[in-house]
Amino acid sequence: VSATDADDGVNGEVIFLFQQISLKASEIFHLDTETGVITLSSSLDFEERVVHDLQVQAKDGGDLSDTAKVI
């Protein structure tokens, strides 16, 4: 996930957070709060679940935010 902010200083710093993530999904996926990179913490089981729908929030130091859907 990628986001930028044109502000200077703290207001221009963006962090990434999962929104409304299930316990199971939080055990499978890891989100780097500084880079927005999503990686696997464990193996995917396609027999258990074919699609994972994740909501990622990008938030700046000025408390503005936006959310993206990651499938």
PDB file of N, CA and C in Angstrom:
ATOM      1  N   VAL A   1       0.861  -1.163   0.000  1.00  0.00           N
ATOM      2  CA  VAL A   1       0.000   0.000   0.000  1.00  0.00           C
ATOM      3  C   VAL A   1       0.905   1.223   0.000  1.00  0.00           C
ATOM      4  N   SER A   2       0.517   2.244  -0.747  1.00  0.00           N
ATOM      5  CA  SER A   2       1.336   3.439  -0.854  1.00  0.00           C
ATOM      6  C   SER A   2       0.494   4.682  -0.590  1.00  0.00           C
ATOM      7  N   ALA A   3       1.072   5.632   0.127  1.00  0.00           N
ATOM      8  CA  ALA A   3       0.418   6.917   0.376  1.00  0.00           C
ATOM      9  C   ALA A   3       1.490   7.967   0.596  1.00  0.00           C
ATOM     10  N   THR A   4       1.213   9.177   0.155  1.00  0.00           N
ATOM     11  CA  THR A   4       2.142  10.280   0.366  1.00  0.00           C
ATOM     12  C   THR A   4       1.386  11.475   0.922  1.00  0.00           C
ATOM     13  N   ASP A   5       2.130  12.378   1.537  1.00  0.00           N
ATOM     14  CA  ASP A   5       1.561  13.599   2.087  1.00  0.00           C
ATOM     15  C   ASP A   5       2.545  14.724   1.798  1.00  0.00           C
ATOM     16  N   ALA A   6       2.065  15.804   1.218  1.00  0.00           N
ATOM     17  CA  ALA A   6       2.930  16.917   0.813  1.00  0.00           C
ATOM     18  C   ALA A   6       3.343  17.821   1.970  1.00  0.00           C
ATOM     19  N   ASP A   7       2.746  17.643   3.152  1.00  0.00           N
ATOM     20  CA  ASP A   7       3.095  18.484   4.302  1.00  0.00           C
ATOM     21  C   ASP A   7       4.534  18.243   4.742  1.00  0.00           C
ATOM     22  N   ASP A   8       5.096  19.222   5.427  1.00  0.00           N
ATOM     23  CA  ASP A   8       6.440  19.104   6.001  1.00  0.00           C
ATOM     24  C   ASP A   8       6.349  18.610   7.438  1.00  0.00           C
ATOM     25  N   GLY A   9       7.441  18.043   7.914  1.00  0.00           N
ATOM     26  CA  GLY A   9       7.544  17.635   9.314  1.00  0.00           C
ATOM     27  C   GLY A   9       6.604  16.498   9.681  1.00  0.00           C
ATOM     28  N   VAL A  10       6.154  16.516  10.927  1.00  0.00           N
ATOM     29  CA  VAL A  10       5.312  15.448  11.467  1.00  0.00           C
ATOM     30  C   VAL A  10       4.025  15.297  10.663  1.00  0.00           C
ATOM     31  N   ASN A  11       3.447  16.386  10.209  1.00  0.00           N
ATOM     32  CA  ASN A  11       2.194  16.310   9.454  1.00  0.00           C
ATOM     33  C   ASN A  11       2.353  15.586   8.126  1.00  0.00           C
ATOM     34  N   GLY A  12       3.572  15.475   7.628  1.00  0.00           N
ATOM     35  CA  GLY A  12       3.833  14.785   6.373  1.00  0.00           C
ATOM     36  C   GLY A  12       4.187  13.318   6.545  1.00  0.00           C
ATOM     37  N   GLU A  13       4.349  12.879   7.780  1.00  0.00           N
ATOM     38  CA  GLU A  13       4.682  11.472   8.036  1.00  0.00           C
ATOM     39  C   GLU A  13       3.413  10.631   7.984  1.00  0.00           C
ATOM     40  N   VAL A  14       3.465   9.534   7.232  1.00  0.00           N
ATOM     41  CA  VAL A  14       2.304   8.660   7.062  1.00  0.00           C
ATOM     42  C   VAL A  14       2.578   7.327   7.732  1.00  0.00           C
ATOM     43  N   ILE A  15       1.594   6.842   8.502  1.00  0.00           N
ATOM     44  CA  ILE A  15       1.664   5.494   9.073  1.00  0.00           C
ATOM     45  C   ILE A  15       0.497   4.687   8.515  1.00  0.00           C
ATOM     46  N   PHE A  16       0.660   3.376   8.508  1.00  0.00           N
ATOM     47  CA  PHE A  16      -0.339   2.468   7.962  1.00  0.00           C
ATOM     48  C   PHE A  16      -0.851   1.542   9.050  1.00  0.00           C
ATOM     49  N   LEU A  17      -2.172   1.314   9.061  1.00  0.00           N
ATOM     50  CA  LEU A  17      -2.807   0.468  10.073  1.00  0.00           C
ATOM     51  C   LEU A  17      -3.877  -0.392   9.415  1.00  0.00           C
ATOM     52  N   PHE A  18      -4.039  -1.625   9.897  1.00  0.00           N
ATOM     53  CA  PHE A  18      -5.177  -2.431   9.471  1.00  0.00           C
ATOM     54  C   PHE A  18      -6.422  -1.902  10.163  1.00  0.00           C
ATOM     55  N   GLN A  19      -7.543  -1.904   9.472  1.00  0.00           N
ATOM     56  CA  GLN A  19      -8.826  -1.523  10.049  1.00  0.00           C
ATOM     57  C   GLN A  19      -9.736  -2.742  10.002  1.00  0.00           C
ATOM     58  N   GLN A  20     -10.453  -3.003  11.045  1.00  0.00           N
ATOM     59  CA  GLN A  20     -11.450  -4.070  11.111  1.00  0.00           C
ATOM     60  C   GLN A  20     -10.896  -5.402  10.607  1.00  0.00           C
ATOM     61  N   ILE A  21      -9.766  -5.811  11.127  1.00  0.00           N
ATOM     62  CA  ILE A  21      -9.147  -7.063  10.714  1.00  0.00           C
ATOM     63  C   ILE A  21      -9.530  -8.169  11.704  1.00  0.00           C
ATOM     64  N   SER A  22      -9.858  -9.330  11.170  1.00  0.00           N
ATOM     65  CA  SER A  22     -10.232 -10.450  12.025  1.00  0.00           C
ATOM     66  C   SER A  22      -8.994 -11.000  12.738  1.00  0.00           C
ATOM     67  N   LEU A  23      -9.214 -11.725  13.796  1.00  0.00           N
ATOM     68  CA  LEU A  23      -8.109 -12.334  14.533  1.00  0.00           C
ATOM     69  C   LEU A  23      -7.335 -13.287  13.623  1.00  0.00           C
ATOM     70  N   LYS A  24      -8.052 -14.074  12.835  1.00  0.00           N
ATOM     71  CA  LYS A  24      -7.409 -15.026  11.926  1.00  0.00           C
ATOM     72  C   LYS A  24      -6.539 -14.294  10.904  1.00  0.00           C
ATOM     73  N   ALA A  25      -7.079 -13.223  10.308  1.00  0.00           N
ATOM     74  CA  ALA A  25      -6.312 -12.463   9.317  1.00  0.00           C
ATOM     75  C   ALA A  25      -5.090 -11.808   9.958  1.00  0.00           C
ATOM     76  N   SER A  26      -5.214 -11.368  11.203  1.00  0.00           N
ATOM     77  CA  SER A  26      -4.069 -10.739  11.879  1.00  0.00           C
ATOM     78  C   SER A  26      -2.963 -11.751  12.161  1.00  0.00           C
ATOM     79  N   GLU A  27      -3.321 -13.037  12.191  1.00  0.00           N
ATOM     80  CA  GLU A  27      -2.320 -14.089  12.368  1.00  0.00           C
ATOM     81  C   GLU A  27      -1.640 -14.447  11.044  1.00  0.00           C
ATOM     82  N   ILE A  28      -2.272 -14.117   9.923  1.00  0.00           N
ATOM     83  CA  ILE A  28      -1.751 -14.462   8.597  1.00  0.00           C
ATOM     84  C   ILE A  28      -0.963 -13.308   7.979  1.00  0.00           C
ATOM     85  N   PHE A  29      -1.466 -12.078   8.128  1.00  0.00           N
ATOM     86  CA  PHE A  29      -0.891 -10.920   7.453  1.00  0.00           C
ATOM     87  C   PHE A  29      -0.186  -9.981   8.431  1.00  0.00           C
ATOM     88  N   HIS A  30       0.912  -9.416   7.964  1.00  0.00           N
ATOM     89  CA  HIS A  30       1.650  -8.409   8.734  1.00  0.00           C
ATOM     90  C   HIS A  30       1.727  -7.143   7.885  1.00  0.00           C
ATOM     91  N   LEU A  31       1.423  -6.005   8.476  1.00  0.00           N
ATOM     92  CA  LEU A  31       1.511  -4.710   7.801  1.00  0.00           C
ATOM     93  C   LEU A  31       2.613  -3.895   8.448  1.00  0.00           C
ATOM     94  N   ASP A  32       3.609  -3.506   7.660  1.00  0.00           N
ATOM     95  CA  ASP A  32       4.666  -2.637   8.163  1.00  0.00           C
ATOM     96  C   ASP A  32       4.079  -1.233   8.282  1.00  0.00           C
ATOM     97  N   THR A  33       3.997  -0.709   9.488  1.00  0.00           N
ATOM     98  CA  THR A  33       3.330   0.570   9.730  1.00  0.00           C
ATOM     99  C   THR A  33       4.054   1.758   9.098  1.00  0.00           C
ATOM    100  N   GLU A  34       5.334   1.607   8.800  1.00  0.00           N
ATOM    101  CA  GLU A  34       6.093   2.713   8.201  1.00  0.00           C
ATOM    102  C   GLU A  34       6.102   2.672   6.673  1.00  0.00           C
ATOM    103  N   THR A  35       6.149   1.466   6.093  1.00  0.00           N
ATOM    104  CA  THR A  35       6.270   1.349   4.639  1.00  0.00           C
ATOM    105  C   THR A  35       4.964   0.992   3.942  1.00  0.00           C
ATOM    106  N   GLY A  36       4.024   0.395   4.661  1.00  0.00           N
ATOM    107  CA  GLY A  36       2.772  -0.049   4.050  1.00  0.00           C
ATOM    108  C   GLY A  36       2.875  -1.403   3.377  1.00  0.00           C
ATOM    109  N   VAL A  37       4.022  -2.059   3.496  1.00  0.00           N
ATOM    110  CA  VAL A  37       4.223  -3.372   2.869  1.00  0.00           C
ATOM    111  C   VAL A  37       3.470  -4.438   3.672  1.00  0.00           C
ATOM    112  N   ILE A  38       2.677  -5.245   2.954  1.00  0.00           N
ATOM    113  CA  ILE A  38       1.937  -6.348   3.573  1.00  0.00           C
ATOM    114  C   ILE A  38       2.663  -7.640   3.228  1.00  0.00           C
ATOM    115  N   THR A  39       2.977  -8.436   4.262  1.00  0.00           N
ATOM    116  CA  THR A  39       3.637  -9.719   4.070  1.00  0.00           C
ATOM    117  C   THR A  39       2.848 -10.801   4.791  1.00  0.00           C
ATOM    118  N   LEU A  40       3.185 -12.050   4.488  1.00  0.00           N
ATOM    119  CA  LEU A  40       2.545 -13.185   5.143  1.00  0.00           C
ATOM    120  C   LEU A  40       3.315 -13.568   6.401  1.00  0.00           C
ATOM    121  N   SER A  41       2.580 -13.759   7.487  1.00  0.00           N
ATOM    122  CA  SER A  41       3.172 -14.242   8.728  1.00  0.00           C
ATOM    123  C   SER A  41       3.070 -15.755   8.820  1.00  0.00           C
ATOM    124  N   SER A  42       2.125 -16.334   8.060  1.00  0.00           N
ATOM    125  CA  SER A  42       1.956 -17.783   7.983  1.00  0.00           C
ATOM    126  C   SER A  42       1.401 -18.131   6.608  1.00  0.00           C
ATOM    127  N   SER A  43       1.328 -19.406   6.319  1.00  0.00           N
ATOM    128  CA  SER A  43       0.876 -19.860   5.004  1.00  0.00           C
ATOM    129  C   SER A  43      -0.615 -19.626   4.807  1.00  0.00           C
ATOM    130  N   LEU A  44      -0.988 -19.382   3.545  1.00  0.00           N
ATOM    131  CA  LEU A  44      -2.398 -19.263   3.198  1.00  0.00           C
ATOM    132  C   LEU A  44      -2.978 -20.662   2.980  1.00  0.00           C
ATOM    133  N   ASP A  45      -4.209 -20.858   3.390  1.00  0.00           N
ATOM    134  CA  ASP A  45      -4.912 -22.116   3.189  1.00  0.00           C
ATOM    135  C   ASP A  45      -6.111 -21.834   2.293  1.00  0.00           C
ATOM    136  N   PHE A  46      -5.969 -22.133   0.983  1.00  0.00           N
ATOM    137  CA  PHE A  46      -7.022 -21.820   0.032  1.00  0.00           C
ATOM    138  C   PHE A  46      -8.257 -22.690   0.212  1.00  0.00           C
ATOM    139  N   GLU A  47      -8.121 -23.803   0.907  1.00  0.00           N
ATOM    140  CA  GLU A  47      -9.288 -24.636   1.206  1.00  0.00           C
ATOM    141  C   GLU A  47     -10.126 -24.015   2.315  1.00  0.00           C
ATOM    142  N   GLU A  48      -9.471 -23.261   3.181  1.00  0.00           N
ATOM    143  CA  GLU A  48     -10.175 -22.606   4.281  1.00  0.00           C
ATOM    144  C   GLU A  48     -10.810 -21.290   3.824  1.00  0.00           C
ATOM    145  N   ARG A  49     -10.044 -20.528   3.031  1.00  0.00           N
ATOM    146  CA  ARG A  49     -10.545 -19.229   2.560  1.00  0.00           C
ATOM    147  C   ARG A  49      -9.838 -18.865   1.262  1.00  0.00           C
ATOM    148  N   VAL A  50     -10.622 -18.559   0.228  1.00  0.00           N
ATOM    149  CA  VAL A  50     -10.066 -18.265  -1.093  1.00  0.00           C
ATOM    150  C   VAL A  50      -9.637 -16.803  -1.204  1.00  0.00           C
ATOM    151  N   VAL A  51     -10.417 -15.882  -0.639  1.00  0.00           N
ATOM    152  CA  VAL A  51     -10.155 -14.456  -0.759  1.00  0.00           C
ATOM    153  C   VAL A  51     -10.063 -13.826   0.631  1.00  0.00           C
ATOM    154  N   HIS A  52      -9.095 -12.950   0.793  1.00  0.00           N
ATOM    155  CA  HIS A  52      -8.965 -12.165   2.019  1.00  0.00           C
ATOM    156  C   HIS A  52      -9.193 -10.704   1.665  1.00  0.00           C
ATOM    157  N   ASP A  53     -10.099 -10.071   2.364  1.00  0.00           N
ATOM    158  CA  ASP A  53     -10.464  -8.673   2.126  1.00  0.00           C
ATOM    159  C   ASP A  53      -9.955  -7.863   3.317  1.00  0.00           C
ATOM    160  N   LEU A  54      -8.945  -7.029   3.074  1.00  0.00           N
ATOM    161  CA  LEU A  54      -8.323  -6.249   4.145  1.00  0.00           C
ATOM    162  C   LEU A  54      -8.575  -4.761   3.928  1.00  0.00           C
ATOM    163  N   GLN A  55      -8.757  -4.034   5.002  1.00  0.00           N
ATOM    164  CA  GLN A  55      -8.893  -2.579   4.957  1.00  0.00           C
ATOM    165  C   GLN A  55      -7.630  -1.986   5.593  1.00  0.00           C
ATOM    166  N   VAL A  56      -6.948  -1.118   4.846  1.00  0.00           N
ATOM    167  CA  VAL A  56      -5.732  -0.485   5.346  1.00  0.00           C
ATOM    168  C   VAL A  56      -5.956   1.020   5.404  1.00  0.00           C
ATOM    169  N   GLN A  57      -5.629   1.595   6.546  1.00  0.00           N
ATOM    170  CA  GLN A  57      -5.750   3.039   6.739  1.00  0.00           C
ATOM    171  C   GLN A  57      -4.371   3.673   6.675  1.00  0.00           C
ATOM    172  N   ALA A  58      -4.257   4.756   5.908  1.00  0.00           N
ATOM    173  CA  ALA A  58      -3.053   5.594   5.894  1.00  0.00           C
ATOM    174  C   ALA A  58      -3.403   6.854   6.675  1.00  0.00           C
ATOM    175  N   LYS A  59      -2.584   7.169   7.668  1.00  0.00           N
ATOM    176  CA  LYS A  59      -2.876   8.294   8.562  1.00  0.00           C
ATOM    177  C   LYS A  59      -1.641   9.166   8.676  1.00  0.00           C
ATOM    178  N   ASP A  60      -1.836  10.487   8.550  1.00  0.00           N
ATOM    179  CA  ASP A  60      -0.690  11.385   8.675  1.00  0.00           C
ATOM    180  C   ASP A  60      -0.595  11.955  10.087  1.00  0.00           C
ATOM    181  N   GLY A  61       0.485  12.680  10.358  1.00  0.00           N
ATOM    182  CA  GLY A  61       0.719  13.243  11.677  1.00  0.00           C
ATOM    183  C   GLY A  61      -0.265  14.331  12.060  1.00  0.00           C
ATOM    184  N   GLY A  62      -0.984  14.867  11.076  1.00  0.00           N
ATOM    185  CA  GLY A  62      -1.999  15.882  11.343  1.00  0.00           C
ATOM    186  C   GLY A  62      -3.358  15.271  11.608  1.00  0.00           C
ATOM    187  N   ASP A  63      -3.415  13.958  11.724  1.00  0.00           N
ATOM    188  CA  ASP A  63      -4.624  13.191  12.045  1.00  0.00           C
ATOM    189  C   ASP A  63      -5.606  13.082  10.881  1.00  0.00           C
ATOM    190  N   LEU A  64      -5.155  13.337   9.647  1.00  0.00           N
ATOM    191  CA  LEU A  64      -5.977  13.077   8.472  1.00  0.00           C
ATOM    192  C   LEU A  64      -5.727  11.641   8.032  1.00  0.00           C
ATOM    193  N   SER A  65      -6.741  10.992   7.474  1.00  0.00           N
ATOM    194  CA  SER A  65      -6.568   9.598   7.079  1.00  0.00           C
ATOM    195  C   SER A  65      -7.435   9.258   5.879  1.00  0.00           C
ATOM    196  N   ASP A  66      -7.097   8.133   5.252  1.00  0.00           N
ATOM    197  CA  ASP A  66      -7.895   7.574   4.179  1.00  0.00           C
ATOM    198  C   ASP A  66      -7.731   6.066   4.253  1.00  0.00           C
ATOM    199  N   THR A  67      -8.696   5.355   3.708  1.00  0.00           N
ATOM    200  CA  THR A  67      -8.706   3.896   3.793  1.00  0.00           C
ATOM    201  C   THR A  67      -8.749   3.299   2.394  1.00  0.00           C
ATOM    202  N   ALA A  68      -8.043   2.173   2.220  1.00  0.00           N
ATOM    203  CA  ALA A  68      -8.040   1.452   0.949  1.00  0.00           C
ATOM    204  C   ALA A  68      -8.401  -0.003   1.206  1.00  0.00           C
ATOM    205  N   LYS A  69      -9.067  -0.605   0.253  1.00  0.00           N
ATOM    206  CA  LYS A  69      -9.423  -2.022   0.319  1.00  0.00           C
ATOM    207  C   LYS A  69      -8.348  -2.804  -0.422  1.00  0.00           C
ATOM    208  N   VAL A  70      -7.819  -3.832   0.220  1.00  0.00           N
ATOM    209  CA  VAL A  70      -6.799  -4.699  -0.365  1.00  0.00           C
ATOM    210  C   VAL A  70      -7.383  -6.104  -0.429  1.00  0.00           C
ATOM    211  N   ILE A  71      -7.411  -6.683  -1.615  1.00  0.00           N
ATOM    212  CA  ILE A  71      -7.989  -8.031  -1.779  1.00  0.00           C
ATOM    213  C   ILE A  71      -6.891  -8.978  -2.203  1.00  0.00           C
TER     214      ILE A  71
END
